[in-house]
Structure formats: C-alpha cells, structure tokens
PDB file of all heavy atoms in Angstrom:
ATOM      1  N   CYS A   1       0.820  -1.216   0.003  1.00  0.00           N
ATOM      2  CA  CYS A   1       0.001  -0.001   0.000  1.00  0.00           C
ATOM      3  C   CYS A   1       0.854   1.268   0.000  1.00  0.00           C
ATOM      4  O   CYS A   1       0.370   2.323  -0.378  1.00  0.00           O
ATOM      5  CB  CYS A   1      -0.933   0.006   1.214  1.00  0.00           C
ATOM      6  SG  CYS A   1      -0.067   0.122   2.778  1.00  0.00           S
ATOM      7  N   SER A   2       2.113   1.161   0.424  1.00  0.00           N
ATOM      8  CA  SER A   2       2.950   2.366   0.483  1.00  0.00           C
ATOM      9  C   SER A   2       4.430   1.987   0.388  1.00  0.00           C
ATOM     10  O   SER A   2       4.804   0.820   0.548  1.00  0.00           O
ATOM     11  CB  SER A   2       2.703   3.122   1.785  1.00  0.00           C
ATOM     12  OG  SER A   2       3.169   2.367   2.876  1.00  0.00           O
ATOM     13  N   GLU A   3       5.242   2.983   0.159  1.00  0.00           N
ATOM     14  CA  GLU A   3       6.698   2.776   0.117  1.00  0.00           C
ATOM     15  C   GLU A   3       7.224   2.349   1.487  1.00  0.00           C
ATOM     16  O   GLU A   3       8.197   1.611   1.591  1.00  0.00           O
ATOM     17  CB  GLU A   3       7.401   4.054  -0.346  1.00  0.00           C
ATOM     18  CG  GLU A   3       7.136   4.402  -1.810  1.00  0.00           C
ATOM     19  CD  GLU A   3       7.764   3.422  -2.788  1.00  0.00           C
ATOM     20  OE1 GLU A   3       8.809   2.829  -2.471  1.00  0.00           O
ATOM     21  OE2 GLU A   3       7.190   3.246  -3.869  1.00  0.00           O
ATOM     22  N   ARG A   4       6.587   2.822   2.546  1.00  0.00           N
ATOM     23  CA  ARG A   4       7.017   2.460   3.890  1.00  0.00           C
ATOM     24  C   ARG A   4       6.854   0.953   4.143  1.00  0.00           C
ATOM     25  O   ARG A   4       7.711   0.316   4.734  1.00  0.00           O
ATOM     26  CB  ARG A   4       6.235   3.258   4.920  1.00  0.00           C
ATOM     27  CG  ARG A   4       6.831   3.152   6.314  1.00  0.00           C
ATOM     28  CD  ARG A   4       6.113   4.021   7.281  1.00  0.00           C
ATOM     29  NE  ARG A   4       4.948   3.268   7.738  1.00  0.00           N
ATOM     30  CZ  ARG A   4       3.912   3.766   8.344  1.00  0.00           C
ATOM     31  NH1 ARG A   4       3.847   5.049   8.577  1.00  0.00           N
ATOM     32  NH2 ARG A   4       2.913   3.021   8.727  1.00  0.00           N
ATOM     33  N   CYS A   5       5.754   0.396   3.663  1.00  0.00           N
ATOM     34  CA  CYS A   5       5.553  -1.044   3.804  1.00  0.00           C
ATOM     35  C   CYS A   5       6.545  -1.840   2.958  1.00  0.00           C
ATOM     36  O   CYS A   5       7.005  -2.903   3.362  1.00  0.00           O
ATOM     37  CB  CYS A   5       4.116  -1.417   3.445  1.00  0.00           C
ATOM     38  SG  CYS A   5       2.919  -0.930   4.701  1.00  0.00           S
ATOM     39  N   ILE A   6       6.898  -1.305   1.799  1.00  0.00           N
ATOM     40  CA  ILE A   6       7.904  -1.958   0.955  1.00  0.00           C
ATOM     41  C   ILE A   6       9.245  -1.967   1.680  1.00  0.00           C
ATOM     42  O   ILE A   6       9.939  -2.993   1.731  1.00  0.00           O
ATOM     43  CB  ILE A   6       8.035  -1.251  -0.407  1.00  0.00           C
ATOM     44  CG1 ILE A   6       6.737  -1.408  -1.192  1.00  0.00           C
ATOM     45  CG2 ILE A   6       9.212  -1.790  -1.189  1.00  0.00           C
ATOM     46  CD1 ILE A   6       6.661  -0.568  -2.446  1.00  0.00           C
ATOM     47  N   ALA A   7       9.609  -0.834   2.294  1.00  0.00           N
ATOM     48  CA  ALA A   7      10.872  -0.753   3.025  1.00  0.00           C
ATOM     49  C   ALA A   7      10.885  -1.716   4.208  1.00  0.00           C
ATOM     50  O   ALA A   7      11.898  -2.374   4.486  1.00  0.00           O
ATOM     51  CB  ALA A   7      11.116   0.677   3.502  1.00  0.00           C
ATOM     52  N   GLU A   8       9.756  -1.845   4.912  1.00  0.00           N
ATOM     53  CA  GLU A   8       9.664  -2.780   6.043  1.00  0.00           C
ATOM     54  C   GLU A   8       9.787  -4.218   5.557  1.00  0.00           C
ATOM     55  O   GLU A   8      10.463  -5.032   6.186  1.00  0.00           O
ATOM     56  CB  GLU A   8       8.341  -2.579   6.776  1.00  0.00           C
ATOM     57  CG  GLU A   8       8.103  -3.549   7.908  1.00  0.00           C
ATOM     58  CD  GLU A   8       9.096  -3.427   9.053  1.00  0.00           C
ATOM     59  OE1 GLU A   8       9.757  -2.386   9.187  1.00  0.00           O
ATOM     60  OE2 GLU A   8       9.215  -4.398   9.824  1.00  0.00           O
ATOM     61  N   HIS A   9       9.168  -4.531   4.445  1.00  0.00           N
ATOM     62  CA  HIS A   9       9.270  -5.883   3.873  1.00  0.00           C
ATOM     63  C   HIS A   9      10.713  -6.196   3.492  1.00  0.00           C
ATOM     64  O   HIS A   9      11.220  -7.278   3.780  1.00  0.00           O
ATOM     65  CB  HIS A   9       8.352  -5.997   2.655  1.00  0.00           C
ATOM     66  CG  HIS A   9       8.408  -7.326   1.982  1.00  0.00           C
ATOM     67  ND1 HIS A   9       7.827  -8.448   2.521  1.00  0.00           N
ATOM     68  CD2 HIS A   9       8.984  -7.716   0.817  1.00  0.00           C
ATOM     69  CE1 HIS A   9       8.048  -9.473   1.712  1.00  0.00           C
ATOM     70  NE2 HIS A   9       8.743  -9.050   0.669  1.00  0.00           N
ATOM     71  N   GLU A  10      11.389  -5.251   2.864  1.00  0.00           N
ATOM     72  CA  GLU A  10      12.790  -5.452   2.486  1.00  0.00           C
ATOM     73  C   GLU A  10      13.673  -5.611   3.726  1.00  0.00           C
ATOM     74  O   GLU A  10      14.595  -6.407   3.732  1.00  0.00           O
ATOM     75  CB  GLU A  10      13.260  -4.287   1.624  1.00  0.00           C
ATOM     76  CG  GLU A  10      12.631  -4.293   0.239  1.00  0.00           C
ATOM     77  CD  GLU A  10      12.913  -3.022  -0.545  1.00  0.00           C
ATOM     78  OE1 GLU A  10      13.403  -2.034   0.040  1.00  0.00           O
ATOM     79  OE2 GLU A  10      12.620  -3.021  -1.763  1.00  0.00           O
ATOM     80  N   ARG A  11      13.373  -4.850   4.776  1.00  0.00           N
ATOM     81  CA  ARG A  11      14.148  -4.967   6.009  1.00  0.00           C
ATOM     82  C   ARG A  11      13.967  -6.348   6.625  1.00  0.00           C
ATOM     83  O   ARG A  11      14.924  -6.984   7.036  1.00  0.00           O
ATOM     84  CB  ARG A  11      13.718  -3.900   7.015  1.00  0.00           C
ATOM     85  CG  ARG A  11      14.557  -3.910   8.301  1.00  0.00           C
ATOM     86  CD  ARG A  11      13.986  -3.024   9.377  1.00  0.00           C
ATOM     87  NE  ARG A  11      12.709  -3.491   9.897  1.00  0.00           N
ATOM     88  CZ  ARG A  11      12.571  -4.493  10.773  1.00  0.00           C
ATOM     89  NH1 ARG A  11      13.630  -5.135  11.213  1.00  0.00           N
ATOM     90  NH2 ARG A  11      11.384  -4.847  11.199  1.00  0.00           N
ATOM     91  N   ARG A  12      12.742  -6.836   6.658  1.00  0.00           N
ATOM     92  CA  ARG A  12      12.482  -8.168   7.218  1.00  0.00           C
ATOM     93  C   ARG A  12      13.150  -9.258   6.395  1.00  0.00           C
ATOM     94  O   ARG A  12      13.676 -10.218   6.942  1.00  0.00           O
ATOM     95  CB  ARG A  12      10.982  -8.430   7.294  1.00  0.00           C
ATOM     96  CG  ARG A  12      10.292  -7.633   8.361  1.00  0.00           C
ATOM     97  CD  ARG A  12       8.836  -7.996   8.428  1.00  0.00           C
ATOM     98  NE  ARG A  12       8.116  -7.166   9.372  1.00  0.00           N
ATOM     99  CZ  ARG A  12       6.831  -7.290   9.634  1.00  0.00           C
ATOM    100  NH1 ARG A  12       6.105  -8.219   9.036  1.00  0.00           N
ATOM    101  NH2 ARG A  12       6.251  -6.487  10.498  1.00  0.00           N
ATOM    102  N   MET A  13      13.094  -9.116   5.082  1.00  0.00           N
ATOM    103  CA  MET A  13      13.691 -10.133   4.215  1.00  0.00           C
ATOM    104  C   MET A  13      15.214 -10.121   4.310  1.00  0.00           C
ATOM    105  O   MET A  13      15.850 -11.167   4.248  1.00  0.00           O
ATOM    106  CB  MET A  13      13.245  -9.956   2.766  1.00  0.00           C
ATOM    107  CG  MET A  13      11.748 -10.183   2.564  1.00  0.00           C
ATOM    108  SD  MET A  13      11.131 -11.731   3.255  1.00  0.00           S
ATOM    109  CE  MET A  13      11.909 -12.893   2.173  1.00  0.00           C
ATOM    110  N   SER A  14      15.821  -8.944   4.473  1.00  0.00           N
ATOM    111  CA  SER A  14      17.275  -8.882   4.598  1.00  0.00           C
ATOM    112  C   SER A  14      17.743  -9.418   5.937  1.00  0.00           C
ATOM    113  O   SER A  14      18.848  -9.922   6.066  1.00  0.00           O
ATOM    114  CB  SER A  14      17.771  -7.448   4.416  1.00  0.00           C
ATOM    115  OG  SER A  14      17.345  -6.628   5.478  1.00  0.00           O
ATOM    116  N   ALA A  15      16.877  -9.343   6.957  1.00  0.00           N
ATOM    117  CA  ALA A  15      17.216  -9.881   8.276  1.00  0.00           C
ATOM    118  C   ALA A  15      16.985 -11.386   8.343  1.00  0.00           C
ATOM    119  O   ALA A  15      17.349 -12.025   9.317  1.00  0.00           O
ATOM    120  CB  ALA A  15      16.400  -9.170   9.355  1.00  0.00           C
ATOM    121  N   GLY A  16      16.373 -11.946   7.308  1.00  0.00           N
ATOM    122  CA  GLY A  16      16.137 -13.385   7.275  1.00  0.00           C
ATOM    123  C   GLY A  16      14.828 -13.799   7.917  1.00  0.00           C
ATOM    124  O   GLY A  16      14.545 -14.970   8.041  1.00  0.00           O
ATOM    125  N   ALA A  17      14.015 -12.837   8.334  1.00  0.00           N
ATOM    126  CA  ALA A  17      12.733 -13.172   8.956  1.00  0.00           C
ATOM    127  C   ALA A  17      11.684 -13.375   7.871  1.00  0.00           C
ATOM    128  O   ALA A  17      11.614 -12.615   6.918  1.00  0.00           O
ATOM    129  CB  ALA A  17      12.297 -12.054   9.888  1.00  0.00           C
ATOM    130  N   ALA A  18      10.867 -14.381   8.014  1.00  0.00           N
ATOM    131  CA  ALA A  18       9.810 -14.638   7.035  1.00  0.00           C
ATOM    132  C   ALA A  18       8.608 -13.749   7.341  1.00  0.00           C
ATOM    133  O   ALA A  18       8.367 -13.372   8.461  1.00  0.00           O
ATOM    134  CB  ALA A  18       9.408 -16.108   7.100  1.00  0.00           C
ATOM    135  N   CYS A  19       7.853 -13.433   6.303  1.00  0.00           N
ATOM    136  CA  CYS A  19       6.667 -12.592   6.484  1.00  0.00           C
ATOM    137  C   CYS A  19       5.521 -13.384   7.098  1.00  0.00           C
ATOM    138  O   CYS A  19       4.637 -12.810   7.707  1.00  0.00           O
ATOM    139  CB  CYS A  19       6.203 -12.034   5.147  1.00  0.00           C
ATOM    140  SG  CYS A  19       7.320 -10.809   4.467  1.00  0.00           S
ATOM    141  N   GLU A  20       5.523 -14.673   6.899  1.00  0.00           N
ATOM    142  CA  GLU A  20       4.428 -15.482   7.378  1.00  0.00           C
ATOM    143  C   GLU A  20       4.791 -16.094   8.728  1.00  0.00           C
ATOM    144  O   GLU A  20       5.925 -16.479   8.965  1.00  0.00           O
ATOM    145  CB  GLU A  20       4.123 -16.588   6.378  1.00  0.00           C
ATOM    146  CG  GLU A  20       3.712 -16.028   5.035  1.00  0.00           C
ATOM    147  CD  GLU A  20       3.721 -17.080   3.956  1.00  0.00           C
ATOM    148  OE1 GLU A  20       3.948 -18.257   4.279  1.00  0.00           O
ATOM    149  OE2 GLU A  20       3.506 -16.718   2.805  1.00  0.00           O
ATOM    150  N   VAL A  21       3.811 -16.174   9.588  1.00  0.00           N
ATOM    151  CA  VAL A  21       4.018 -16.751  10.918  1.00  0.00           C
ATOM    152  C   VAL A  21       4.017 -18.267  10.787  1.00  0.00           C
ATOM    153  O   VAL A  21       3.104 -18.840  10.191  1.00  0.00           O
ATOM    154  CB  VAL A  21       2.903 -16.295  11.888  1.00  0.00           C
ATOM    155  CG1 VAL A  21       3.066 -16.955  13.237  1.00  0.00           C
ATOM    156  CG2 VAL A  21       2.903 -14.793  12.012  1.00  0.00           C
ATOM    157  N   LYS A  22       5.015 -18.913  11.343  1.00  0.00           N
ATOM    158  CA  LYS A  22       5.085 -20.365  11.278  1.00  0.00           C
ATOM    159  C   LYS A  22       4.252 -20.948  12.401  1.00  0.00           C
ATOM    160  O   LYS A  22       4.277 -20.477  13.526  1.00  0.00           O
ATOM    161  CB  LYS A  22       6.530 -20.843  11.417  1.00  0.00           C
ATOM    162  CG  LYS A  22       7.382 -20.477  10.240  1.00  0.00           C
ATOM    163  CD  LYS A  22       8.753 -21.056  10.370  1.00  0.00           C
ATOM    164  CE  LYS A  22       9.597 -20.694   9.170  1.00  0.00           C
ATOM    165  NZ  LYS A  22      10.930 -21.247   9.254  1.00  0.00           N
ATOM    166  N   ARG A  23       3.502 -21.996  12.080  1.00  0.00           N
ATOM    167  CA  ARG A  23       2.666 -22.644  13.077  1.00  0.00           C
ATOM    168  C   ARG A  23       3.483 -23.695  13.818  1.00  0.00           C
ATOM    169  O   ARG A  23       4.304 -24.382  13.232  1.00  0.00           O
ATOM    170  CB  ARG A  23       1.482 -23.301  12.399  1.00  0.00           C
ATOM    171  CG  ARG A  23       0.569 -22.277  11.755  1.00  0.00           C
ATOM    172  CD  ARG A  23      -0.577 -22.930  11.115  1.00  0.00           C
ATOM    173  NE  ARG A  23      -1.323 -23.641  12.145  1.00  0.00           N
ATOM    174  CZ  ARG A  23      -2.553 -24.076  11.997  1.00  0.00           C
ATOM    175  NH1 ARG A  23      -3.161 -23.906  10.881  1.00  0.00           N
ATOM    176  NH2 ARG A  23      -3.165 -24.724  12.965  1.00  0.00           N
ATOM    177  N   ARG A  24       3.221 -23.809  15.113  1.00  0.00           N
ATOM    178  CA  ARG A  24       3.903 -24.828  15.906  1.00  0.00           C
ATOM    179  C   ARG A  24       3.293 -26.191  15.622  1.00  0.00           C
ATOM    180  O   ARG A  24       2.113 -26.314  15.351  1.00  0.00           O
ATOM    181  CB  ARG A  24       3.759 -24.530  17.402  1.00  0.00           C
ATOM    182  CG  ARG A  24       4.510 -23.342  17.838  1.00  0.00           C
ATOM    183  CD  ARG A  24       4.591 -23.174  19.310  1.00  0.00           C
ATOM    184  NE  ARG A  24       3.440 -23.693  20.015  1.00  0.00           N
ATOM    185  CZ  ARG A  24       3.270 -23.619  21.304  1.00  0.00           C
ATOM    186  NH1 ARG A  24       4.170 -23.033  22.039  1.00  0.00           N
ATOM    187  NH2 ARG A  24       2.213 -24.119  21.903  1.00  0.00           N
ATOM    188  N   HIS A  25       4.117 -27.189  15.715  1.00  0.00           N
ATOM    189  CA  HIS A  25       3.640 -28.558  15.533  1.00  0.00           C
ATOM    190  C   HIS A  25       2.874 -28.960  16.781  1.00  0.00           C
ATOM    191  O   HIS A  25       3.214 -28.560  17.889  1.00  0.00           O
ATOM    192  CB  HIS A  25       4.846 -29.478  15.310  1.00  0.00           C
ATOM    193  CG  HIS A  25       4.459 -30.805  14.767  1.00  0.00           C
ATOM    194  ND1 HIS A  25       4.183 -31.867  15.574  1.00  0.00           N
ATOM    195  CD2 HIS A  25       4.285 -31.237  13.505  1.00  0.00           C
ATOM    196  CE1 HIS A  25       3.864 -32.913  14.836  1.00  0.00           C
ATOM    197  NE2 HIS A  25       3.927 -32.542  13.562  1.00  0.00           N
ATOM    198  N   TRP A  26       1.843 -29.781  16.639  1.00  0.00           N
ATOM    199  CA  TRP A  26       1.002 -30.124  17.771  1.00  0.00           C
ATOM    200  C   TRP A  26       1.751 -30.924  18.822  1.00  0.00           C
ATOM    201  O   TRP A  26       1.376 -30.899  19.996  1.00  0.00           O
ATOM    202  CB  TRP A  26      -0.251 -30.867  17.324  1.00  0.00           C
ATOM    203  CG  TRP A  26      -0.002 -32.226  16.740  1.00  0.00           C
ATOM    204  CD1 TRP A  26       0.283 -32.531  15.452  1.00  0.00           C
ATOM    205  CD2 TRP A  26       0.002 -33.448  17.443  1.00  0.00           C
ATOM    206  NE1 TRP A  26       0.462 -33.861  15.302  1.00  0.00           N
ATOM    207  CE2 TRP A  26       0.292 -34.460  16.513  1.00  0.00           C
ATOM    208  CE3 TRP A  26      -0.209 -33.811  18.760  1.00  0.00           C
ATOM    209  CZ2 TRP A  26       0.369 -35.788  16.876  1.00  0.00           C
ATOM    210  CZ3 TRP A  26      -0.137 -35.157  19.123  1.00  0.00           C
ATOM    211  CH2 TRP A  26       0.150 -36.122  18.177  1.00  0.00           C
ATOM    212  N   LEU A  27       2.834 -31.617  18.460  1.00  0.00           N
ATOM    213  CA  LEU A  27       3.588 -32.384  19.455  1.00  0.00           C
ATOM    214  C   LEU A  27       4.373 -31.485  20.412  1.00  0.00           C
ATOM    215  O   LEU A  27       4.724 -31.909  21.507  1.00  0.00           O
ATOM    216  CB  LEU A  27       4.552 -33.354  18.760  1.00  0.00           C
ATOM    217  CG  LEU A  27       3.902 -34.574  18.138  1.00  0.00           C
ATOM    218  CD1 LEU A  27       4.934 -35.379  17.362  1.00  0.00           C
ATOM    219  CD2 LEU A  27       3.254 -35.440  19.200  1.00  0.00           C
ATOM    220  N   SER A  28       4.638 -30.244  20.028  1.00  0.00           N
ATOM    221  CA  SER A  28       5.355 -29.331  20.906  1.00  0.00           C
ATOM    222  C   SER A  28       4.406 -28.454  21.719  1.00  0.00           C
ATOM    223  O   SER A  28       4.842 -27.565  22.429  1.00  0.00           O
ATOM    224  CB  SER A  28       6.305 -28.449  20.097  1.00  0.00           C
ATOM    225  OG  SER A  28       5.566 -27.622  19.215  1.00  0.00           O
ATOM    226  N   ASP A  29       3.105 -28.718  21.630  1.00  0.00           N
ATOM    227  CA  ASP A  29       2.105 -27.911  22.324  1.00  0.00           C
ATOM    228  C   ASP A  29       1.906 -28.431  23.753  1.00  0.00           C
ATOM    229  O   ASP A  29       1.556 -29.588  23.962  1.00  0.00           O
ATOM    230  CB  ASP A  29       0.792 -27.981  21.558  1.00  0.00           C
ATOM    231  CG  ASP A  29      -0.236 -26.978  22.040  1.00  0.00           C
ATOM    232  OD1 ASP A  29       0.099 -26.171  22.933  1.00  0.00           O
ATOM    233  OD2 ASP A  29      -1.355 -27.003  21.521  1.00  0.00           O
ATOM    234  N   PRO A  30       2.111 -27.585  24.776  1.00  0.00           N
ATOM    235  CA  PRO A  30       1.922 -28.030  26.153  1.00  0.00           C
ATOM    236  C   PRO A  30       0.466 -28.369  26.462  1.00  0.00           C
ATOM    237  O   PRO A  30       0.200 -29.114  27.398  1.00  0.00           O
ATOM    238  CB  PRO A  30       2.408 -26.854  26.991  1.00  0.00           C
ATOM    239  CG  PRO A  30       2.417 -25.681  26.099  1.00  0.00           C
ATOM    240  CD  PRO A  30       2.595 -26.205  24.713  1.00  0.00           C
ATOM    241  N   TRP A  31      -0.500 -27.847  25.688  1.00  0.00           N
ATOM    242  CA  TRP A  31      -1.903 -28.169  25.920  1.00  0.00           C
ATOM    243  C   TRP A  31      -2.210 -29.613  25.534  1.00  0.00           C
ATOM    244  O   TRP A  31      -3.273 -30.132  25.866  1.00  0.00           O
ATOM    245  CB  TRP A  31      -2.806 -27.206  25.162  1.00  0.00           C
ATOM    246  CG  TRP A  31      -2.836 -25.858  25.788  1.00  0.00           C
ATOM    247  CD1 TRP A  31      -2.165 -24.754  25.376  1.00  0.00           C
ATOM    248  CD2 TRP A  31      -3.539 -25.470  26.966  1.00  0.00           C
ATOM    249  NE1 TRP A  31      -2.408 -23.706  26.210  1.00  0.00           N
ATOM    250  CE2 TRP A  31      -3.261 -24.125  27.196  1.00  0.00           C
ATOM    251  CE3 TRP A  31      -4.382 -26.136  27.841  1.00  0.00           C
ATOM    252  CZ2 TRP A  31      -3.790 -23.434  28.274  1.00  0.00           C
ATOM    253  CZ3 TRP A  31      -4.911 -25.436  28.909  1.00  0.00           C
ATOM    254  CH2 TRP A  31      -4.614 -24.102  29.113  1.00  0.00           C
ATOM    255  N   VAL A  32      -1.321 -30.260  24.842  1.00  0.00           N
ATOM    256  CA  VAL A  32      -1.473 -31.683  24.536  1.00  0.00           C
ATOM    257  C   VAL A  32      -0.820 -32.524  25.621  1.00  0.00           C
ATOM    258  O   VAL A  32      -1.399 -33.487  26.123  1.00  0.00           O
ATOM    259  CB  VAL A  32      -0.853 -32.009  23.155  1.00  0.00           C
ATOM    260  CG1 VAL A  32      -0.816 -33.504  22.911  1.00  0.00           C
ATOM    261  CG2 VAL A  32      -1.607 -31.307  22.052  1.00  0.00           C
ATOM    262  N   TRP A  33       0.400 -32.153  26.005  1.00  0.00           N
ATOM    263  CA  TRP A  33       1.173 -32.975  26.924  1.00  0.00           C
ATOM    264  C   TRP A  33       0.748 -32.868  28.385  1.00  0.00           C
ATOM    265  O   TRP A  33       0.838 -33.843  29.125  1.00  0.00           O
ATOM    266  CB  TRP A  33       2.662 -32.664  26.797  1.00  0.00           C
ATOM    267  CG  TRP A  33       3.168 -33.160  25.489  1.00  0.00           C
ATOM    268  CD1 TRP A  33       3.492 -32.437  24.395  1.00  0.00           C
ATOM    269  CD2 TRP A  33       3.326 -34.532  25.109  1.00  0.00           C
ATOM    270  NE1 TRP A  33       3.857 -33.242  23.370  1.00  0.00           N
ATOM    271  CE2 TRP A  33       3.775 -34.547  23.781  1.00  0.00           C
ATOM    272  CE3 TRP A  33       3.138 -35.743  25.755  1.00  0.00           C
ATOM    273  CZ2 TRP A  33       4.031 -35.722  23.092  1.00  0.00           C
ATOM    274  CZ3 TRP A  33       3.406 -36.911  25.074  1.00  0.00           C
ATOM    275  CH2 TRP A  33       3.844 -36.901  23.756  1.00  0.00           C
ATOM    276  N   ALA A  34       0.280 -31.723  28.830  1.00  0.00           N
ATOM    277  CA  ALA A  34      -0.141 -31.581  30.236  1.00  0.00           C
ATOM    278  C   ALA A  34      -1.315 -32.499  30.586  1.00  0.00           C
ATOM    279  O   ALA A  34      -1.251 -33.238  31.575  1.00  0.00           O
ATOM    280  CB  ALA A  34      -0.454 -30.128  30.552  1.00  0.00           C
ATOM    281  N   PRO A  35      -2.394 -32.525  29.792  1.00  0.00           N
ATOM    282  CA  PRO A  35      -3.487 -33.455  30.133  1.00  0.00           C
ATOM    283  C   PRO A  35      -3.083 -34.917  29.989  1.00  0.00           C
ATOM    284  O   PRO A  35      -3.510 -35.761  30.786  1.00  0.00           O
ATOM    285  CB  PRO A  35      -4.591 -33.114  29.135  1.00  0.00           C
ATOM    286  CG  PRO A  35      -4.262 -31.782  28.594  1.00  0.00           C
ATOM    287  CD  PRO A  35      -2.786 -31.622  28.718  1.00  0.00           C
TER     288      PRO A  35
END
C-alpha cells in the first residue's frame, strides 16, 4: 500500500525473517502434553 511497507518488507527479508508466521507442531504444544 505504500513505500514504507515496501521498506519494512525489504528490512524483514534482509534480516532473514519470514513474512508469514510459522505454526507450531502439535507435538510441541503443552496443551497436549499436560493433560
């Protein structure tokens, strides 16, 4: 939508961070193991 968002995207990509949030695997979820 703007040049500022483009700059933020480029900053994230140069830092190696992905734009999409990675989901945790269900085996690492404490809500599974505690019960």
